[in-house]
Amino acid sequence: MSAEEIKTEILQAIDNVPEGALLDVLNYLKQLQNQSPDDIRLTTNLRKILLEDRGLLEKLAQ
C-alpha cells in the first residue's frame, strides 16, 4: 500500500471515529511526529507483544 493510499484510508477512518475520541487521535499523531523511527518501531513491537501475550500476562499477574 502506498503512502498516499494509507493517508486516504486514515482520513476515511477518522470520519468514523466518535467525536469524543478525535482529540486522543490528534494527540497520538502529534506524539508520533516527535518520535524517532526506532522509538516508533519499539513501541509498535511492544504493543504487539502485549496484545499477543495478554492471556499469559493476566495469568502471571494473579
PDB file of N, CA and C in Angstrom:
ATOM      1  N   MET A   1       0.854  -1.164   0.000  1.00  0.00           N
ATOM      2  CA  MET A   1       0.000   0.000   0.000  1.00  0.00           C
ATOM      3  C   MET A   1       0.911   1.242   0.000  1.00  0.00           C
ATOM      4  N   SER A   2       0.645   2.168  -0.852  1.00  0.00           N
ATOM      5  CA  SER A   2       1.470   3.375  -0.951  1.00  0.00           C
ATOM      6  C   SER A   2       1.141   4.336   0.194  1.00  0.00           C
ATOM      7  N   ALA A   3       2.024   5.292   0.406  1.00  0.00           N
ATOM      8  CA  ALA A   3       1.805   6.284   1.459  1.00  0.00           C
ATOM      9  C   ALA A   3       0.525   7.074   1.196  1.00  0.00           C
ATOM     10  N   GLU A   4       0.273   7.388  -0.057  1.00  0.00           N
ATOM     11  CA  GLU A   4      -0.930   8.147  -0.403  1.00  0.00           C
ATOM     12  C   GLU A   4      -2.190   7.329  -0.112  1.00  0.00           C
ATOM     13  N   GLU A   5      -2.156   6.033  -0.399  1.00  0.00           N
ATOM     14  CA  GLU A   5      -3.302   5.162  -0.111  1.00  0.00           C
ATOM     15  C   GLU A   5      -3.538   5.057   1.398  1.00  0.00           C
ATOM     16  N   ILE A   6      -2.451   4.973   2.149  1.00  0.00           N
ATOM     17  CA  ILE A   6      -2.572   4.886   3.605  1.00  0.00           C
ATOM     18  C   ILE A   6      -3.188   6.165   4.163  1.00  0.00           C
ATOM     19  N   LYS A   7      -2.737   7.311   3.670  1.00  0.00           N
ATOM     20  CA  LYS A   7      -3.298   8.588   4.129  1.00  0.00           C
ATOM     21  C   LYS A   7      -4.788   8.673   3.813  1.00  0.00           C
ATOM     22  N   THR A   8      -5.179   8.193   2.646  1.00  0.00           N
ATOM     23  CA  THR A   8      -6.594   8.193   2.272  1.00  0.00           C
ATOM     24  C   THR A   8      -7.394   7.309   3.222  1.00  0.00           C
ATOM     25  N   GLU A   9      -6.859   6.134   3.536  1.00  0.00           N
ATOM     26  CA  GLU A   9      -7.531   5.214   4.471  1.00  0.00           C
ATOM     27  C   GLU A   9      -7.668   5.855   5.856  1.00  0.00           C
ATOM     28  N   ILE A  10      -6.616   6.541   6.291  1.00  0.00           N
ATOM     29  CA  ILE A  10      -6.654   7.202   7.597  1.00  0.00           C
ATOM     30  C   ILE A  10      -7.747   8.261   7.620  1.00  0.00           C
ATOM     31  N   LEU A  11      -7.819   9.067   6.577  1.00  0.00           N
ATOM     32  CA  LEU A  11      -8.853  10.106   6.509  1.00  0.00           C
ATOM     33  C   LEU A  11     -10.253   9.503   6.527  1.00  0.00           C
ATOM     34  N   GLN A  12     -10.436   8.385   5.833  1.00  0.00           N
ATOM     35  CA  GLN A  12     -11.740   7.719   5.828  1.00  0.00           C
ATOM     36  C   GLN A  12     -12.058   7.156   7.210  1.00  0.00           C
ATOM     37  N   ALA A  13     -11.051   6.594   7.875  1.00  0.00           N
ATOM     38  CA  ALA A  13     -11.269   6.023   9.204  1.00  0.00           C
ATOM     39  C   ALA A  13     -11.610   7.110  10.216  1.00  0.00           C
ATOM     40  N   ILE A  14     -10.979   8.268  10.089  1.00  0.00           N
ATOM     41  CA  ILE A  14     -11.240   9.374  11.015  1.00  0.00           C
ATOM     42  C   ILE A  14     -12.696   9.816  10.937  1.00  0.00           C
ATOM     43  N   ASP A  15     -13.281   9.733   9.759  1.00  0.00           N
ATOM     44  CA  ASP A  15     -14.689  10.102   9.607  1.00  0.00           C
ATOM     45  C   ASP A  15     -15.606   9.226  10.452  1.00  0.00           C
ATOM     46  N   ASN A  16     -15.144   8.016  10.815  1.00  0.00           N
ATOM     47  CA  ASN A  16     -15.961   7.081  11.584  1.00  0.00           C
ATOM     48  C   ASN A  16     -15.593   7.029  13.066  1.00  0.00           C
ATOM     49  N   VAL A  17     -14.619   7.826  13.476  1.00  0.00           N
ATOM     50  CA  VAL A  17     -14.204   7.845  14.879  1.00  0.00           C
ATOM     51  C   VAL A  17     -15.191   8.699  15.672  1.00  0.00           C
ATOM     52  N   PRO A  18     -15.628   8.219  16.839  1.00  0.00           N
ATOM     53  CA  PRO A  18     -16.535   9.026  17.661  1.00  0.00           C
ATOM     54  C   PRO A  18     -15.901  10.377  17.999  1.00  0.00           C
ATOM     55  N   GLU A  19     -16.733  11.397  18.048  1.00  0.00           N
ATOM     56  CA  GLU A  19     -16.245  12.764  18.273  1.00  0.00           C
ATOM     57  C   GLU A  19     -15.402  12.874  19.543  1.00  0.00           C
ATOM     58  N   GLY A  20     -15.786  12.149  20.572  1.00  0.00           N
ATOM     59  CA  GLY A  20     -15.058  12.205  21.836  1.00  0.00           C
ATOM     60  C   GLY A  20     -13.646  11.657  21.765  1.00  0.00           C
ATOM     61  N   ALA A  21     -13.357  10.855  20.771  1.00  0.00           N
ATOM     62  CA  ALA A  21     -12.032  10.250  20.645  1.00  0.00           C
ATOM     63  C   ALA A  21     -11.122  11.016  19.692  1.00  0.00           C
ATOM     64  N   LEU A  22     -11.655  12.002  18.993  1.00  0.00           N
ATOM     65  CA  LEU A  22     -10.854  12.722  17.999  1.00  0.00           C
ATOM     66  C   LEU A  22      -9.654  13.437  18.616  1.00  0.00           C
ATOM     67  N   LEU A  23      -9.822  14.015  19.791  1.00  0.00           N
ATOM     68  CA  LEU A  23      -8.703  14.695  20.441  1.00  0.00           C
ATOM     69  C   LEU A  23      -7.603  13.699  20.800  1.00  0.00           C
ATOM     70  N   ASP A  24      -7.986  12.503  21.242  1.00  0.00           N
ATOM     71  CA  ASP A  24      -7.000  11.464  21.548  1.00  0.00           C
ATOM     72  C   ASP A  24      -6.224  11.074  20.295  1.00  0.00           C
ATOM     73  N   VAL A  25      -6.928  10.949  19.180  1.00  0.00           N
ATOM     74  CA  VAL A  25      -6.274  10.603  17.915  1.00  0.00           C
ATOM     75  C   VAL A  25      -5.287  11.701  17.524  1.00  0.00           C
ATOM     76  N   LEU A  26      -5.707  12.941  17.630  1.00  0.00           N
ATOM     77  CA  LEU A  26      -4.836  14.069  17.299  1.00  0.00           C
ATOM     78  C   LEU A  26      -3.598  14.088  18.188  1.00  0.00           C
ATOM     79  N   ASN A  27      -3.788  13.897  19.483  1.00  0.00           N
ATOM     80  CA  ASN A  27      -2.648  13.877  20.409  1.00  0.00           C
ATOM     81  C   ASN A  27      -1.689  12.741  20.094  1.00  0.00           C
ATOM     82  N   TYR A  28      -2.222  11.578  19.744  1.00  0.00           N
ATOM     83  CA  TYR A  28      -1.386  10.433  19.384  1.00  0.00           C
ATOM     84  C   TYR A  28      -0.552  10.750  18.143  1.00  0.00           C
ATOM     85  N   LEU A  29      -1.173  11.336  17.137  1.00  0.00           N
ATOM     86  CA  LEU A  29      -0.445  11.684  15.916  1.00  0.00           C
ATOM     87  C   LEU A  29       0.646  12.718  16.195  1.00  0.00           C
ATOM     88  N   LYS A  30       0.364  13.666  17.068  1.00  0.00           N
ATOM     89  CA  LYS A  30       1.376  14.664  17.425  1.00  0.00           C
ATOM     90  C   LYS A  30       2.549  14.026  18.158  1.00  0.00           C
ATOM     91  N   GLN A  31       2.265  13.035  19.002  1.00  0.00           N
ATOM     92  CA  GLN A  31       3.337  12.323  19.700  1.00  0.00           C
ATOM     93  C   GLN A  31       4.225  11.588  18.707  1.00  0.00           C
ATOM     94  N   LEU A  32       3.614  10.984  17.708  1.00  0.00           N
ATOM     95  CA  LEU A  32       4.385  10.262  16.700  1.00  0.00           C
ATOM     96  C   LEU A  32       5.317  11.191  15.934  1.00  0.00           C
ATOM     97  N   GLN A  33       4.896  12.415  15.710  1.00  0.00           N
ATOM     98  CA  GLN A  33       5.723  13.376  14.983  1.00  0.00           C
ATOM     99  C   GLN A  33       7.028  13.660  15.712  1.00  0.00           C
ATOM    100  N   ASN A  34       7.028  13.541  17.017  1.00  0.00           N
ATOM    101  CA  ASN A  34       8.204  13.868  17.821  1.00  0.00           C
ATOM    102  C   ASN A  34       9.081  12.662  18.130  1.00  0.00           C
ATOM    103  N   GLN A  35       8.709  11.478  17.658  1.00  0.00           N
ATOM    104  CA  GLN A  35       9.476  10.274  17.958  1.00  0.00           C
ATOM    105  C   GLN A  35      10.348   9.879  16.776  1.00  0.00           C
ATOM    106  N   SER A  36      11.467   9.250  17.105  1.00  0.00           N
ATOM    107  CA  SER A  36      12.344   8.736  16.058  1.00  0.00           C
ATOM    108  C   SER A  36      11.731   7.456  15.486  1.00  0.00           C
ATOM    109  N   PRO A  37      12.118   7.084  14.267  1.00  0.00           N
ATOM    110  CA  PRO A  37      11.611   5.827  13.688  1.00  0.00           C
ATOM    111  C   PRO A  37      11.910   4.614  14.571  1.00  0.00           C
ATOM    112  N   ASP A  38      13.074   4.610  15.235  1.00  0.00           N
ATOM    113  CA  ASP A  38      13.408   3.492  16.119  1.00  0.00           C
ATOM    114  C   ASP A  38      12.467   3.429  17.320  1.00  0.00           C
ATOM    115  N   ASP A  39      12.136   4.580  17.884  1.00  0.00           N
ATOM    116  CA  ASP A  39      11.203   4.610  19.017  1.00  0.00           C
ATOM    117  C   ASP A  39       9.811   4.147  18.599  1.00  0.00           C
ATOM    118  N   ILE A  40       9.389   4.547  17.419  1.00  0.00           N
ATOM    119  CA  ILE A  40       8.078   4.126  16.911  1.00  0.00           C
ATOM    120  C   ILE A  40       8.052   2.618  16.714  1.00  0.00           C
ATOM    121  N   ARG A  41       9.121   2.076  16.144  1.00  0.00           N
ATOM    122  CA  ARG A  41       9.197   0.633  15.915  1.00  0.00           C
ATOM    123  C   ARG A  41       9.197  -0.120  17.247  1.00  0.00           C
ATOM    124  N   LEU A  42       9.935   0.390  18.232  1.00  0.00           N
ATOM    125  CA  LEU A  42       9.980  -0.238  19.549  1.00  0.00           C
ATOM    126  C   LEU A  42       8.600  -0.248  20.200  1.00  0.00           C
ATOM    127  N   THR A  43       7.914   0.870  20.140  1.00  0.00           N
ATOM    128  CA  THR A  43       6.568   0.974  20.707  1.00  0.00           C
ATOM    129  C   THR A  43       5.602   0.021  20.013  1.00  0.00           C
ATOM    130  N   THR A  44       5.691  -0.050  18.695  1.00  0.00           N
ATOM    131  CA  THR A  44       4.822  -0.938  17.926  1.00  0.00           C
ATOM    132  C   THR A  44       5.076  -2.396  18.291  1.00  0.00           C
ATOM    133  N   ASN A  45       6.340  -2.769  18.394  1.00  0.00           N
ATOM    134  CA  ASN A  45       6.676  -4.150  18.736  1.00  0.00           C
ATOM    135  C   ASN A  45       6.236  -4.503  20.152  1.00  0.00           C
ATOM    136  N   LEU A  46       6.414  -3.582  21.089  1.00  0.00           N
ATOM    137  CA  LEU A  46       5.987  -3.832  22.467  1.00  0.00           C
ATOM    138  C   LEU A  46       4.475  -4.001  22.544  1.00  0.00           C
ATOM    139  N   ARG A  47       3.751  -3.147  21.843  1.00  0.00           N
ATOM    140  CA  ARG A  47       2.284  -3.252  21.823  1.00  0.00           C
ATOM    141  C   ARG A  47       1.848  -4.603  21.248  1.00  0.00           C
ATOM    142  N   LYS A  48       2.514  -5.030  20.187  1.00  0.00           N
ATOM    143  CA  LYS A  48       2.190  -6.314  19.560  1.00  0.00           C
ATOM    144  C   LYS A  48       2.417  -7.461  20.544  1.00  0.00           C
ATOM    145  N   ILE A  49       3.532  -7.424  21.253  1.00  0.00           N
ATOM    146  CA  ILE A  49       3.835  -8.471  22.232  1.00  0.00           C
ATOM    147  C   ILE A  49       2.786  -8.487  23.337  1.00  0.00           C
ATOM    148  N   LEU A  50       2.436  -7.313  23.853  1.00  0.00           N
ATOM    149  CA  LEU A  50       1.450  -7.243  24.932  1.00  0.00           C
ATOM    150  C   LEU A  50       0.087  -7.754  24.485  1.00  0.00           C
ATOM    151  N   LEU A  51      -0.305  -7.439  23.264  1.00  0.00           N
ATOM    152  CA  LEU A  51      -1.596  -7.913  22.752  1.00  0.00           C
ATOM    153  C   LEU A  51      -1.589  -9.422  22.534  1.00  0.00           C
ATOM    154  N   GLU A  52      -0.488  -9.945  22.004  1.00  0.00           N
ATOM    155  CA  GLU A  52      -0.412 -11.380  21.720  1.00  0.00           C
ATOM    156  C   GLU A  52      -0.353 -12.205  22.996  1.00  0.00           C
ATOM    157  N   ASP A  53       0.283 -11.675  24.036  1.00  0.00           N
ATOM    158  CA  ASP A  53       0.500 -12.435  25.263  1.00  0.00           C
ATOM    159  C   ASP A  53      -0.388 -11.971  26.411  1.00  0.00           C
ATOM    160  N   ARG A  54      -1.498 -11.357  26.079  1.00  0.00           N
ATOM    161  CA  ARG A  54      -2.377 -10.804  27.110  1.00  0.00           C
ATOM    162  C   ARG A  54      -2.844 -11.873  28.098  1.00  0.00           C
ATOM    163  N   GLY A  55      -3.268 -13.004  27.589  1.00  0.00           N
ATOM    164  CA  GLY A  55      -3.740 -14.076  28.462  1.00  0.00           C
ATOM    165  C   GLY A  55      -2.660 -14.550  29.416  1.00  0.00           C
ATOM    166  N   LEU A  56      -1.467 -14.733  28.897  1.00  0.00           N
ATOM    167  CA  LEU A  56      -0.347 -15.163  29.731  1.00  0.00           C
ATOM    168  C   LEU A  56      -0.016 -14.111  30.780  1.00  0.00           C
ATOM    169  N   LEU A  57       0.002 -12.861  30.392  1.00  0.00           N
ATOM    170  CA  LEU A  57       0.296 -11.787  31.337  1.00  0.00           C
ATOM    171  C   LEU A  57      -0.761 -11.706  32.434  1.00  0.00           C
ATOM    172  N   GLU A  58      -2.019 -11.937  32.090  1.00  0.00           N
ATOM    173  CA  GLU A  58      -3.079 -11.921  33.101  1.00  0.00           C
ATOM    174  C   GLU A  58      -2.899 -13.063  34.090  1.00  0.00           C
ATOM    175  N   LYS A  59      -2.513 -14.247  33.604  1.00  0.00           N
ATOM    176  CA  LYS A  59      -2.282 -15.386  34.494  1.00  0.00           C
ATOM    177  C   LYS A  59      -1.103 -15.115  35.419  1.00  0.00           C
ATOM    178  N   LEU A  60      -0.041 -14.517  34.880  1.00  0.00           N
ATOM    179  CA  LEU A  60       1.131 -14.215  35.695  1.00  0.00           C
ATOM    180  C   LEU A  60       0.822 -13.167  36.762  1.00  0.00           C
ATOM    181  N   ALA A  61      -0.096 -12.281  36.475  1.00  0.00           N
ATOM    182  CA  ALA A  61      -0.437 -11.216  37.415  1.00  0.00           C
ATOM    183  C   ALA A  61      -1.249 -11.723  38.603  1.00  0.00           C
ATOM    184  N   GLN A  62      -1.865 -12.884  38.475  1.00  0.00           N
ATOM    185  CA  GLN A  62      -2.725 -13.408  39.548  1.00  0.00           C
ATOM    186  C   GLN A  62      -1.947 -14.045  40.655  1.00  0.00           C
TER     187      GLN A  62
END
